[in-house]
Amino acid sequence: IHPGESIRVFPLSNWTELDIWHYIEQDGIDLPSIYFAHERDVVDRGGM
């Protein structure tokens, strides 16, 4: 690179969402609680 330029690096490029979750399971990685089912007040907006 020249001065001022940069590189964005994506080591997970070849992973899938399922790979991520299998790795989390295999390694016993802790996650924020919102990734798991819980009760929450929501509104349906455009199907979301």
ModelCIF file with pLDDT and N, C-alpha, C, O atoms, coordinates in Angstrom:
data_MODEL
#
_entry.id   MODEL 
#
_entity.id                         1 
_entity.type                       polymer 
_entity.pdbx_number_of_molecules   1 
#
_entity_poly.entity_id                      1 
_entity_poly.type                           'polypeptide(L)' 
_entity_poly.nstd_linkage                   no 
_entity_poly.nstd_monomer                   no 
_entity_poly.pdbx_seq_one_letter_code       IHPGESIRVFPLSNWTELDIWHYIEQDGIDLPSIYFAHERDVVDRGGM 
_entity_poly.pdbx_seq_one_letter_code_can   IHPGESIRVFPLSNWTELDIWHYIEQDGIDLPSIYFAHERDVVDRGGM 
_entity_poly.pdbx_strand_id                 A 
#
loop_
_entity_poly_seq.entity_id 
_entity_poly_seq.num 
_entity_poly_seq.mon_id 
_entity_poly_seq.hetero 
1 1  ILE n 
1 2  HIS n 
1 3  PRO n 
1 4  GLY n 
1 5  GLU n 
1 6  SER n 
1 7  ILE n 
1 8  ARG n 
1 9  VAL n 
1 10 PHE n 
1 11 PRO n 
1 12 LEU n 
1 13 SER n 
1 14 ASN n 
1 15 TRP n 
1 16 THR n 
1 17 GLU n 
1 18 LEU n 
1 19 ASP n 
1 20 ILE n 
1 21 TRP n 
1 22 HIS n 
1 23 TYR n 
1 24 ILE n 
1 25 GLU n 
1 26 GLN n 
1 27 ASP n 
1 28 GLY n 
1 29 ILE n 
1 30 ASP n 
1 31 LEU n 
1 32 PRO n 
1 33 SER n 
1 34 ILE n 
1 35 TYR n 
1 36 PHE n 
1 37 ALA n 
1 38 HIS n 
1 39 GLU n 
1 40 ARG n 
1 41 ASP n 
1 42 VAL n 
1 43 VAL n 
1 44 ASP n 
1 45 ARG n 
1 46 GLY n 
1 47 GLY n 
1 48 MET n 
#
_struct_asym.id          A 
_struct_asym.entity_id   1 
#
loop_
_ma_qa_metric.id 
_ma_qa_metric.mode 
_ma_qa_metric.name 
_ma_qa_metric.software_group_id 
_ma_qa_metric.type 
1 global pLDDT . pLDDT 
2 local  pLDDT . pLDDT 
#
_ma_qa_metric_global.metric_id      1 
_ma_qa_metric_global.metric_value   91.73 
_ma_qa_metric_global.model_id       1 
_ma_qa_metric_global.ordinal_id     1 
#
loop_
_ma_qa_metric_local.label_asym_id 
_ma_qa_metric_local.label_comp_id 
_ma_qa_metric_local.label_seq_id 
_ma_qa_metric_local.metric_id 
_ma_qa_metric_local.metric_value 
_ma_qa_metric_local.model_id 
_ma_qa_metric_local.ordinal_id 
A ILE 1  2 77.00 1 1  
A HIS 2  2 80.00 1 2  
A PRO 3  2 81.00 1 3  
A GLY 4  2 79.00 1 4  
A GLU 5  2 78.00 1 5  
A SER 6  2 82.00 1 6  
A ILE 7  2 88.00 1 7  
A ARG 8  2 90.00 1 8  
A VAL 9  2 93.00 1 9  
A PHE 10 2 93.00 1 10 
A PRO 11 2 94.00 1 11 
A LEU 12 2 95.00 1 12 
A SER 13 2 92.00 1 13 
A ASN 14 2 92.00 1 14 
A TRP 15 2 94.00 1 15 
A THR 16 2 92.00 1 16 
A GLU 17 2 92.00 1 17 
A LEU 18 2 94.00 1 18 
A ASP 19 2 96.00 1 19 
A ILE 20 2 96.00 1 20 
A TRP 21 2 96.00 1 21 
A HIS 22 2 97.00 1 22 
A TYR 23 2 97.00 1 23 
A ILE 24 2 97.00 1 24 
A GLU 25 2 97.00 1 25 
A GLN 26 2 95.00 1 26 
A ASP 27 2 95.00 1 27 
A GLY 28 2 95.00 1 28 
A ILE 29 2 96.00 1 29 
A ASP 30 2 95.00 1 30 
A LEU 31 2 95.00 1 31 
A PRO 32 2 94.00 1 32 
A SER 33 2 94.00 1 33 
A ILE 34 2 94.00 1 34 
A TYR 35 2 95.00 1 35 
A PHE 36 2 96.00 1 36 
A ALA 37 2 96.00 1 37 
A HIS 38 2 95.00 1 38 
A GLU 39 2 95.00 1 39 
A ARG 40 2 94.00 1 40 
A ASP 41 2 94.00 1 41 
A VAL 42 2 93.00 1 42 
A VAL 43 2 92.00 1 43 
A ASP 44 2 92.00 1 44 
A ARG 45 2 88.00 1 45 
A GLY 46 2 84.00 1 46 
A GLY 47 2 86.00 1 47 
A MET 48 2 88.00 1 48 
#
loop_
_atom_site.group_PDB 
_atom_site.id 
_atom_site.type_symbol 
_atom_site.label_atom_id 
_atom_site.label_alt_id 
_atom_site.label_comp_id 
_atom_site.label_asym_id 
_atom_site.label_entity_id 
_atom_site.label_seq_id 
_atom_site.pdbx_PDB_ins_code 
_atom_site.Cartn_x 
_atom_site.Cartn_y 
_atom_site.Cartn_z 
_atom_site.occupancy 
_atom_site.B_iso_or_equiv 
_atom_site.pdbx_formal_charge 
_atom_site.auth_seq_id 
_atom_site.auth_comp_id 
_atom_site.auth_asym_id 
_atom_site.auth_atom_id 
_atom_site.pdbx_PDB_model_num 
ATOM 1   N N  . ILE A 1 1  ? 0.849   -1.193  0.000  1.00 77.00 ? 1  ILE A N  1 
ATOM 2   C CA . ILE A 1 1  ? 0.000   0.000   0.000  1.00 77.00 ? 1  ILE A CA 1 
ATOM 3   C C  . ILE A 1 1  ? 0.884   1.243   0.000  1.00 77.00 ? 1  ILE A C  1 
ATOM 4   O O  . ILE A 1 1  ? 2.036   1.202   0.433  1.00 77.00 ? 1  ILE A O  1 
ATOM 5   N N  . HIS A 1 2  ? 0.333   2.338   -0.488 1.00 80.00 ? 2  HIS A N  1 
ATOM 6   C CA . HIS A 1 2  ? 1.002   3.633   -0.440 1.00 80.00 ? 2  HIS A CA 1 
ATOM 7   C C  . HIS A 1 2  ? 0.495   4.404   0.778  1.00 80.00 ? 2  HIS A C  1 
ATOM 8   O O  . HIS A 1 2  ? -0.541  4.053   1.342  1.00 80.00 ? 2  HIS A O  1 
ATOM 9   N N  . PRO A 1 3  ? 1.212   5.447   1.187  1.00 81.00 ? 3  PRO A N  1 
ATOM 10  C CA . PRO A 1 3  ? 0.769   6.243   2.337  1.00 81.00 ? 3  PRO A CA 1 
ATOM 11  C C  . PRO A 1 3  ? -0.685  6.693   2.167  1.00 81.00 ? 3  PRO A C  1 
ATOM 12  O O  . PRO A 1 3  ? -1.072  7.186   1.108  1.00 81.00 ? 3  PRO A O  1 
ATOM 13  N N  . GLY A 1 4  ? -1.471  6.519   3.210  1.00 79.00 ? 4  GLY A N  1 
ATOM 14  C CA . GLY A 1 4  ? -2.883  6.910   3.187  1.00 79.00 ? 4  GLY A CA 1 
ATOM 15  C C  . GLY A 1 4  ? -3.814  5.784   2.805  1.00 79.00 ? 4  GLY A C  1 
ATOM 16  O O  . GLY A 1 4  ? -4.996  5.810   3.148  1.00 79.00 ? 4  GLY A O  1 
ATOM 17  N N  . GLU A 1 5  ? -3.293  4.783   2.092  1.00 78.00 ? 5  GLU A N  1 
ATOM 18  C CA . GLU A 1 5  ? -4.117  3.638   1.710  1.00 78.00 ? 5  GLU A CA 1 
ATOM 19  C C  . GLU A 1 5  ? -4.150  2.620   2.852  1.00 78.00 ? 5  GLU A C  1 
ATOM 20  O O  . GLU A 1 5  ? -3.345  2.680   3.782  1.00 78.00 ? 5  GLU A O  1 
ATOM 21  N N  . SER A 1 6  ? -5.092  1.692   2.760  1.00 82.00 ? 6  SER A N  1 
ATOM 22  C CA . SER A 1 6  ? -5.199  0.671   3.805  1.00 82.00 ? 6  SER A CA 1 
ATOM 23  C C  . SER A 1 6  ? -5.792  -0.595  3.207  1.00 82.00 ? 6  SER A C  1 
ATOM 24  O O  . SER A 1 6  ? -6.247  -0.622  2.063  1.00 82.00 ? 6  SER A O  1 
ATOM 25  N N  . ILE A 1 7  ? -5.769  -1.636  4.022  1.00 88.00 ? 7  ILE A N  1 
ATOM 26  C CA . ILE A 1 7  ? -6.333  -2.921  3.636  1.00 88.00 ? 7  ILE A CA 1 
ATOM 27  C C  . ILE A 1 7  ? -7.354  -3.341  4.691  1.00 88.00 ? 7  ILE A C  1 
ATOM 28  O O  . ILE A 1 7  ? -7.053  -3.326  5.884  1.00 88.00 ? 7  ILE A O  1 
ATOM 29  N N  . ARG A 1 8  ? -8.545  -3.710  4.265  1.00 90.00 ? 8  ARG A N  1 
ATOM 30  C CA . ARG A 1 8  ? -9.504  -4.354  5.161  1.00 90.00 ? 8  ARG A CA 1 
ATOM 31  C C  . ARG A 1 8  ? -9.300  -5.862  5.010  1.00 90.00 ? 8  ARG A C  1 
ATOM 32  O O  . ARG A 1 8  ? -9.222  -6.371  3.893  1.00 90.00 ? 8  ARG A O  1 
ATOM 33  N N  . VAL A 1 9  ? -9.215  -6.553  6.105  1.00 93.00 ? 9  VAL A N  1 
ATOM 34  C CA . VAL A 1 9  ? -8.875  -7.979  6.077  1.00 93.00 ? 9  VAL A CA 1 
ATOM 35  C C  . VAL A 1 9  ? -10.025 -8.796  6.665  1.00 93.00 ? 9  VAL A C  1 
ATOM 36  O O  . VAL A 1 9  ? -10.509 -8.503  7.758  1.00 93.00 ? 9  VAL A O  1 
ATOM 37  N N  . PHE A 1 10 ? -10.459 -9.829  5.926  1.00 93.00 ? 10 PHE A N  1 
ATOM 38  C CA . PHE A 1 10 ? -11.620 -10.623 6.327  1.00 93.00 ? 10 PHE A CA 1 
ATOM 39  C C  . PHE A 1 10 ? -11.250 -12.103 6.445  1.00 93.00 ? 10 PHE A C  1 
ATOM 40  O O  . PHE A 1 10 ? -11.466 -12.868 5.505  1.00 93.00 ? 10 PHE A O  1 
ATOM 41  N N  . PRO A 1 11 ? -10.694 -12.513 7.591  1.00 94.00 ? 11 PRO A N  1 
ATOM 42  C CA . PRO A 1 11 ? -10.288 -13.909 7.762  1.00 94.00 ? 11 PRO A CA 1 
ATOM 43  C C  . PRO A 1 11 ? -11.446 -14.908 7.763  1.00 94.00 ? 11 PRO A C  1 
ATOM 44  O O  . PRO A 1 11 ? -11.230 -16.104 7.566  1.00 94.00 ? 11 PRO A O  1 
ATOM 45  N N  . LEU A 1 12 ? -12.677 -14.426 7.983  1.00 95.00 ? 12 LEU A N  1 
ATOM 46  C CA . LEU A 1 12 ? -13.839 -15.314 8.008  1.00 95.00 ? 12 LEU A CA 1 
ATOM 47  C C  . LEU A 1 12 ? -14.552 -15.382 6.661  1.00 95.00 ? 12 LEU A C  1 
ATOM 48  O O  . LEU A 1 12 ? -15.676 -15.877 6.585  1.00 95.00 ? 12 LEU A O  1 
ATOM 49  N N  . SER A 1 13 ? -13.925 -14.901 5.613  1.00 92.00 ? 13 SER A N  1 
ATOM 50  C CA . SER A 1 13 ? -14.578 -14.831 4.304  1.00 92.00 ? 13 SER A CA 1 
ATOM 51  C C  . SER A 1 13 ? -15.198 -16.152 3.876  1.00 92.00 ? 13 SER A C  1 
ATOM 52  O O  . SER A 1 13 ? -16.298 -16.166 3.322  1.00 92.00 ? 13 SER A O  1 
ATOM 53  N N  . ASN A 1 14 ? -14.517 -17.251 4.121  1.00 92.00 ? 14 ASN A N  1 
ATOM 54  C CA . ASN A 1 14 ? -14.963 -18.554 3.633  1.00 92.00 ? 14 ASN A CA 1 
ATOM 55  C C  . ASN A 1 14 ? -15.853 -19.305 4.626  1.00 92.00 ? 14 ASN A C  1 
ATOM 56  O O  . ASN A 1 14 ? -16.248 -20.442 4.369  1.00 92.00 ? 14 ASN A O  1 
ATOM 57  N N  . TRP A 1 15 ? -16.167 -18.673 5.754  1.00 94.00 ? 15 TRP A N  1 
ATOM 58  C CA . TRP A 1 15 ? -17.041 -19.280 6.748  1.00 94.00 ? 15 TRP A CA 1 
ATOM 59  C C  . TRP A 1 15 ? -18.501 -18.986 6.396  1.00 94.00 ? 15 TRP A C  1 
ATOM 60  O O  . TRP A 1 15 ? -18.795 -18.033 5.674  1.00 94.00 ? 15 TRP A O  1 
ATOM 61  N N  . THR A 1 16 ? -19.396 -19.804 6.905  1.00 92.00 ? 16 THR A N  1 
ATOM 62  C CA . THR A 1 16 ? -20.836 -19.549 6.801  1.00 92.00 ? 16 THR A CA 1 
ATOM 63  C C  . THR A 1 16 ? -21.376 -19.295 8.201  1.00 92.00 ? 16 THR A C  1 
ATOM 64  O O  . THR A 1 16 ? -20.681 -19.501 9.196  1.00 92.00 ? 16 THR A O  1 
ATOM 65  N N  . GLU A 1 17 ? -22.634 -18.840 8.264  1.00 92.00 ? 17 GLU A N  1 
ATOM 66  C CA . GLU A 1 17 ? -23.260 -18.639 9.569  1.00 92.00 ? 17 GLU A CA 1 
ATOM 67  C C  . GLU A 1 17 ? -23.255 -19.943 10.368 1.00 92.00 ? 17 GLU A C  1 
ATOM 68  O O  . GLU A 1 17 ? -23.024 -19.937 11.577 1.00 92.00 ? 17 GLU A O  1 
ATOM 69  N N  . LEU A 1 18 ? -23.510 -21.054 9.687  1.00 94.00 ? 18 LEU A N  1 
ATOM 70  C CA . LEU A 1 18 ? -23.521 -22.343 10.372 1.00 94.00 ? 18 LEU A CA 1 
ATOM 71  C C  . LEU A 1 18 ? -22.134 -22.720 10.880 1.00 94.00 ? 18 LEU A C  1 
ATOM 72  O O  . LEU A 1 18 ? -22.003 -23.280 11.968 1.00 94.00 ? 18 LEU A O  1 
ATOM 73  N N  . ASP A 1 19 ? -21.088 -22.413 10.092 1.00 96.00 ? 19 ASP A N  1 
ATOM 74  C CA . ASP A 1 19 ? -19.717 -22.658 10.546 1.00 96.00 ? 19 ASP A CA 1 
ATOM 75  C C  . ASP A 1 19 ? -19.429 -21.876 11.833 1.00 96.00 ? 19 ASP A C  1 
ATOM 76  O O  . ASP A 1 19 ? -18.825 -22.401 12.769 1.00 96.00 ? 19 ASP A O  1 
ATOM 77  N N  . ILE A 1 20 ? -19.866 -20.626 11.861 1.00 96.00 ? 20 ILE A N  1 
ATOM 78  C CA . ILE A 1 20 ? -19.644 -19.781 13.043 1.00 96.00 ? 20 ILE A CA 1 
ATOM 79  C C  . ILE A 1 20 ? -20.259 -20.434 14.278 1.00 96.00 ? 20 ILE A C  1 
ATOM 80  O O  . ILE A 1 20 ? -19.624 -20.516 15.329 1.00 96.00 ? 20 ILE A O  1 
ATOM 81  N N  . TRP A 1 21 ? -21.497 -20.897 14.140 1.00 96.00 ? 21 TRP A N  1 
ATOM 82  C CA . TRP A 1 21 ? -22.180 -21.496 15.291 1.00 96.00 ? 21 TRP A CA 1 
ATOM 83  C C  . TRP A 1 21 ? -21.554 -22.829 15.694 1.00 96.00 ? 21 TRP A C  1 
ATOM 84  O O  . TRP A 1 21 ? -21.466 -23.131 16.884 1.00 96.00 ? 21 TRP A O  1 
ATOM 85  N N  . HIS A 1 22 ? -21.121 -23.630 14.724 1.00 97.00 ? 22 HIS A N  1 
ATOM 86  C CA . HIS A 1 22 ? -20.435 -24.879 15.061 1.00 97.00 ? 22 HIS A CA 1 
ATOM 87  C C  . HIS A 1 22 ? -19.125 -24.590 15.806 1.00 97.00 ? 22 HIS A C  1 
ATOM 88  O O  . HIS A 1 22 ? -18.761 -25.308 16.737 1.00 97.00 ? 22 HIS A O  1 
ATOM 89  N N  . TYR A 1 23 ? -18.423 -23.535 15.386 1.00 97.00 ? 23 TYR A N  1 
ATOM 90  C CA . TYR A 1 23 ? -17.167 -23.178 16.047 1.00 97.00 ? 23 TYR A CA 1 
ATOM 91  C C  . TYR A 1 23 ? -17.430 -22.681 17.468 1.00 97.00 ? 23 TYR A C  1 
ATOM 92  O O  . TYR A 1 23 ? -16.695 -23.014 18.398 1.00 97.00 ? 23 TYR A O  1 
ATOM 93  N N  . ILE A 1 24 ? -18.481 -21.886 17.626 1.00 97.00 ? 24 ILE A N  1 
ATOM 94  C CA . ILE A 1 24 ? -18.871 -21.412 18.962 1.00 97.00 ? 24 ILE A CA 1 
ATOM 95  C C  . ILE A 1 24 ? -19.167 -22.599 19.877 1.00 97.00 ? 24 ILE A C  1 
ATOM 96  O O  . ILE A 1 24 ? -18.761 -22.618 21.039 1.00 97.00 ? 24 ILE A O  1 
ATOM 97  N N  . GLU A 1 25 ? -19.882 -23.588 19.336 1.00 97.00 ? 25 GLU A N  1 
ATOM 98  C CA . GLU A 1 25 ? -20.195 -24.786 20.126 1.00 97.00 ? 25 GLU A CA 1 
ATOM 99  C C  . GLU A 1 25 ? -18.926 -25.566 20.456 1.00 97.00 ? 25 GLU A C  1 
ATOM 100 O O  . GLU A 1 25 ? -18.715 -25.962 21.602 1.00 97.00 ? 25 GLU A O  1 
ATOM 101 N N  . GLN A 1 26 ? -18.090 -25.781 19.456 1.00 95.00 ? 26 GLN A N  1 
ATOM 102 C CA . GLN A 1 26 ? -16.872 -26.565 19.648 1.00 95.00 ? 26 GLN A CA 1 
ATOM 103 C C  . GLN A 1 26 ? -15.942 -25.937 20.671 1.00 95.00 ? 26 GLN A C  1 
ATOM 104 O O  . GLN A 1 26 ? -15.330 -26.635 21.480 1.00 95.00 ? 26 GLN A O  1 
ATOM 105 N N  . ASP A 1 27 ? -15.838 -24.600 20.629 1.00 95.00 ? 27 ASP A N  1 
ATOM 106 C CA . ASP A 1 27 ? -14.878 -23.907 21.483 1.00 95.00 ? 27 ASP A CA 1 
ATOM 107 C C  . ASP A 1 27 ? -15.491 -23.428 22.798 1.00 95.00 ? 27 ASP A C  1 
ATOM 108 O O  . ASP A 1 27 ? -14.783 -22.894 23.652 1.00 95.00 ? 27 ASP A O  1 
ATOM 109 N N  . GLY A 1 28 ? -16.796 -23.613 22.965 1.00 95.00 ? 28 GLY A N  1 
ATOM 110 C CA . GLY A 1 28 ? -17.449 -23.160 24.193 1.00 95.00 ? 28 GLY A CA 1 
ATOM 111 C C  . GLY A 1 28 ? -17.387 -21.658 24.376 1.00 95.00 ? 28 GLY A C  1 
ATOM 112 O O  . GLY A 1 28 ? -17.169 -21.176 25.488 1.00 95.00 ? 28 GLY A O  1 
ATOM 113 N N  . ILE A 1 29 ? -17.576 -20.911 23.293 1.00 96.00 ? 29 ILE A N  1 
ATOM 114 C CA . ILE A 1 29 ? -17.444 -19.449 23.331 1.00 96.00 ? 29 ILE A CA 1 
ATOM 115 C C  . ILE A 1 29 ? -18.705 -18.817 23.922 1.00 96.00 ? 29 ILE A C  1 
ATOM 116 O O  . ILE A 1 29 ? -19.823 -19.143 23.522 1.00 96.00 ? 29 ILE A O  1 
ATOM 117 N N  . ASP A 1 30 ? -18.512 -17.925 24.863 1.00 95.00 ? 30 ASP A N  1 
ATOM 118 C CA . ASP A 1 30 ? -19.608 -17.190 25.489 1.00 95.00 ? 30 ASP A CA 1 
ATOM 119 C C  . ASP A 1 30 ? -20.108 -16.100 24.545 1.00 95.00 ? 30 ASP A C  1 
ATOM 120 O O  . ASP A 1 30 ? -19.319 -15.494 23.819 1.00 95.00 ? 30 ASP A O  1 
ATOM 121 N N  . LEU A 1 31 ? -21.421 -15.851 24.554 1.00 95.00 ? 31 LEU A N  1 
ATOM 122 C CA . LEU A 1 31 ? -22.032 -14.843 23.685 1.00 95.00 ? 31 LEU A CA 1 
ATOM 123 C C  . LEU A 1 31 ? -22.964 -13.946 24.491 1.00 95.00 ? 31 LEU A C  1 
ATOM 124 O O  . LEU A 1 31 ? -23.399 -14.332 25.576 1.00 95.00 ? 31 LEU A O  1 
ATOM 125 N N  . PRO A 1 32 ? -23.279 -12.755 23.980 1.00 94.00 ? 32 PRO A N  1 
ATOM 126 C CA . PRO A 1 32 ? -24.320 -11.944 24.610 1.00 94.00 ? 32 PRO A CA 1 
ATOM 127 C C  . PRO A 1 32 ? -25.654 -12.701 24.644 1.00 94.00 ? 32 PRO A C  1 
ATOM 128 O O  . PRO A 1 32 ? -25.967 -13.458 23.725 1.00 94.00 ? 32 PRO A O  1 
ATOM 129 N N  . SER A 1 33 ? -26.423 -12.494 25.695 1.00 94.00 ? 33 SER A N  1 
ATOM 130 C CA . SER A 1 33 ? -27.642 -13.274 25.906 1.00 94.00 ? 33 SER A CA 1 
ATOM 131 C C  . SER A 1 33 ? -28.692 -13.078 24.823 1.00 94.00 ? 33 SER A C  1 
ATOM 132 O O  . SER A 1 33 ? -29.559 -13.936 24.656 1.00 94.00 ? 33 SER A O  1 
ATOM 133 N N  . ILE A 1 34 ? -28.641 -11.971 24.080 1.00 94.00 ? 34 ILE A N  1 
ATOM 134 C CA . ILE A 1 34 ? -29.689 -11.709 23.080 1.00 94.00 ? 34 ILE A CA 1 
ATOM 135 C C  . ILE A 1 34 ? -29.626 -12.673 21.897 1.00 94.00 ? 34 ILE A C  1 
ATOM 136 O O  . ILE A 1 34 ? -30.556 -12.716 21.092 1.00 94.00 ? 34 ILE A O  1 
ATOM 137 N N  . TYR A 1 35 ? -28.544 -13.447 21.777 1.00 95.00 ? 35 TYR A N  1 
ATOM 138 C CA . TYR A 1 35 ? -28.449 -14.437 20.707 1.00 95.00 ? 35 TYR A CA 1 
ATOM 139 C C  . TYR A 1 35 ? -29.316 -15.671 20.974 1.00 95.00 ? 35 TYR A C  1 
ATOM 140 O O  . TYR A 1 35 ? -29.486 -16.523 20.101 1.00 95.00 ? 35 TYR A O  1 
ATOM 141 N N  . PHE A 1 36 ? -29.860 -15.754 22.191 1.00 96.00 ? 36 PHE A N  1 
ATOM 142 C CA . PHE A 1 36 ? -30.662 -16.912 22.553 1.00 96.00 ? 36 PHE A CA 1 
ATOM 143 C C  . PHE A 1 36 ? -32.099 -16.493 22.882 1.00 96.00 ? 36 PHE A C  1 
ATOM 144 O O  . PHE A 1 36 ? -32.353 -15.343 23.240 1.00 96.00 ? 36 PHE A O  1 
ATOM 145 N N  . ALA A 1 37 ? -33.024 -17.435 22.756 1.00 96.00 ? 37 ALA A N  1 
ATOM 146 C CA . ALA A 1 37 ? -34.448 -17.134 22.903 1.00 96.00 ? 37 ALA A CA 1 
ATOM 147 C C  . ALA A 1 37 ? -34.762 -16.547 24.281 1.00 96.00 ? 37 ALA A C  1 
ATOM 148 O O  . ALA A 1 37 ? -34.286 -17.036 25.305 1.00 96.00 ? 37 ALA A O  1 
ATOM 149 N N  . HIS A 1 38 ? -35.571 -15.491 24.280 1.00 95.00 ? 38 HIS A N  1 
ATOM 150 C CA . HIS A 1 38 ? -35.996 -14.822 25.506 1.00 95.00 ? 38 HIS A CA 1 
ATOM 151 C C  . HIS A 1 38 ? -37.280 -14.046 25.213 1.00 95.00 ? 38 HIS A C  1 
ATOM 152 O O  . HIS A 1 38 ? -37.616 -13.808 24.053 1.00 95.00 ? 38 HIS A O  1 
ATOM 153 N N  . GLU A 1 39 ? -37.981 -13.660 26.252 1.00 95.00 ? 39 GLU A N  1 
ATOM 154 C CA . GLU A 1 39 ? -39.213 -12.880 26.094 1.00 95.00 ? 39 GLU A CA 1 
ATOM 155 C C  . GLU A 1 39 ? -38.866 -11.409 25.909 1.00 95.00 ? 39 GLU A C  1 
ATOM 156 O O  . GLU A 1 39 ? -38.050 -10.852 26.644 1.00 95.00 ? 39 GLU A O  1 
ATOM 157 N N  . ARG A 1 40 ? -39.506 -10.778 24.900 1.00 94.00 ? 40 ARG A N  1 
ATOM 158 C CA . ARG A 1 40 ? -39.239 -9.359  24.658 1.00 94.00 ? 40 ARG A CA 1 
ATOM 159 C C  . ARG A 1 40 ? -40.466 -8.701  24.046 1.00 94.00 ? 40 ARG A C  1 
ATOM 160 O O  . ARG A 1 40 ? -41.176 -9.319  23.253 1.00 94.00 ? 40 ARG A O  1 
ATOM 161 N N  . ASP A 1 41 ? -40.715 -7.455  24.411 1.00 94.00 ? 41 ASP A N  1 
ATOM 162 C CA . ASP A 1 41 ? -41.804 -6.696  23.798 1.00 94.00 ? 41 ASP A CA 1 
ATOM 163 C C  . ASP A 1 41 ? -41.370 -6.228  22.420 1.00 94.00 ? 41 ASP A C  1 
ATOM 164 O O  . ASP A 1 41 ? -40.324 -5.595  22.271 1.00 94.00 ? 41 ASP A O  1 
ATOM 165 N N  . VAL A 1 42 ? -42.181 -6.543  21.405 1.00 93.00 ? 42 VAL A N  1 
ATOM 166 C CA . VAL A 1 42 ? -41.816 -6.216  20.030 1.00 93.00 ? 42 VAL A CA 1 
ATOM 167 C C  . VAL A 1 42 ? -43.019 -5.658  19.284 1.00 93.00 ? 42 VAL A C  1 
ATOM 168 O O  . VAL A 1 42 ? -44.166 -5.810  19.705 1.00 93.00 ? 42 VAL A O  1 
ATOM 169 N N  . VAL A 1 43 ? -42.720 -5.007  18.160 1.00 92.00 ? 43 VAL A N  1 
ATOM 170 C CA . VAL A 1 43 ? -43.759 -4.603  17.210 1.00 92.00 ? 43 VAL A CA 1 
ATOM 171 C C  . VAL A 1 43 ? -43.413 -5.214  15.863 1.00 92.00 ? 43 VAL A C  1 
ATOM 172 O O  . VAL A 1 43 ? -42.242 -5.329  15.499 1.00 92.00 ? 43 VAL A O  1 
ATOM 173 N N  . ASP A 1 44 ? -44.444 -5.604  15.130 1.00 92.00 ? 44 ASP A N  1 
ATOM 174 C CA . ASP A 1 44 ? -44.263 -6.163  13.792 1.00 92.00 ? 44 ASP A CA 1 
ATOM 175 C C  . ASP A 1 44 ? -44.290 -5.002  12.810 1.00 92.00 ? 44 ASP A C  1 
ATOM 176 O O  . ASP A 1 44 ? -45.320 -4.355  12.623 1.00 92.00 ? 44 ASP A O  1 
ATOM 177 N N  . ARG A 1 45 ? -43.135 -4.745  12.180 1.00 88.00 ? 45 ARG A N  1 
ATOM 178 C CA . ARG A 1 45 ? -43.005 -3.618  11.258 1.00 88.00 ? 45 ARG A CA 1 
ATOM 179 C C  . ARG A 1 45 ? -42.489 -4.141  9.924  1.00 88.00 ? 45 ARG A C  1 
ATOM 180 O O  . ARG A 1 45 ? -41.308 -4.458  9.780  1.00 88.00 ? 45 ARG A O  1 
ATOM 181 N N  . GLY A 1 46 ? -43.392 -4.225  8.952  1.00 84.00 ? 46 GLY A N  1 
ATOM 182 C CA . GLY A 1 46 ? -42.996 -4.727  7.643  1.00 84.00 ? 46 GLY A CA 1 
ATOM 183 C C  . GLY A 1 46 ? -42.583 -6.180  7.678  1.00 84.00 ? 46 GLY A C  1 
ATOM 184 O O  . GLY A 1 46 ? -41.724 -6.602  6.904  1.00 84.00 ? 46 GLY A O  1 
ATOM 185 N N  . GLY A 1 47 ? -43.188 -6.958  8.575  1.00 86.00 ? 47 GLY A N  1 
ATOM 186 C CA . GLY A 1 47 ? -42.845 -8.365  8.676  1.00 86.00 ? 47 GLY A CA 1 
ATOM 187 C C  . GLY A 1 47 ? -41.610 -8.646  9.511  1.00 86.00 ? 47 GLY A C  1 
ATOM 188 O O  . GLY A 1 47 ? -41.177 -9.795  9.593  1.00 86.00 ? 47 GLY A O  1 
ATOM 189 N N  . MET A 1 48 ? -41.025 -7.620  10.138 1.00 88.00 ? 48 MET A N  1 
ATOM 190 C CA . MET A 1 48 ? -39.841 -7.782  10.979 1.00 88.00 ? 48 MET A CA 1 
ATOM 191 C C  . MET A 1 48 ? -40.189 -7.382  12.405 1.00 88.00 ? 48 MET A C  1 
ATOM 192 O O  . MET A 1 48 ? -39.334 -7.441  13.289 1.00 88.00 ? 48 MET A O  1 
#
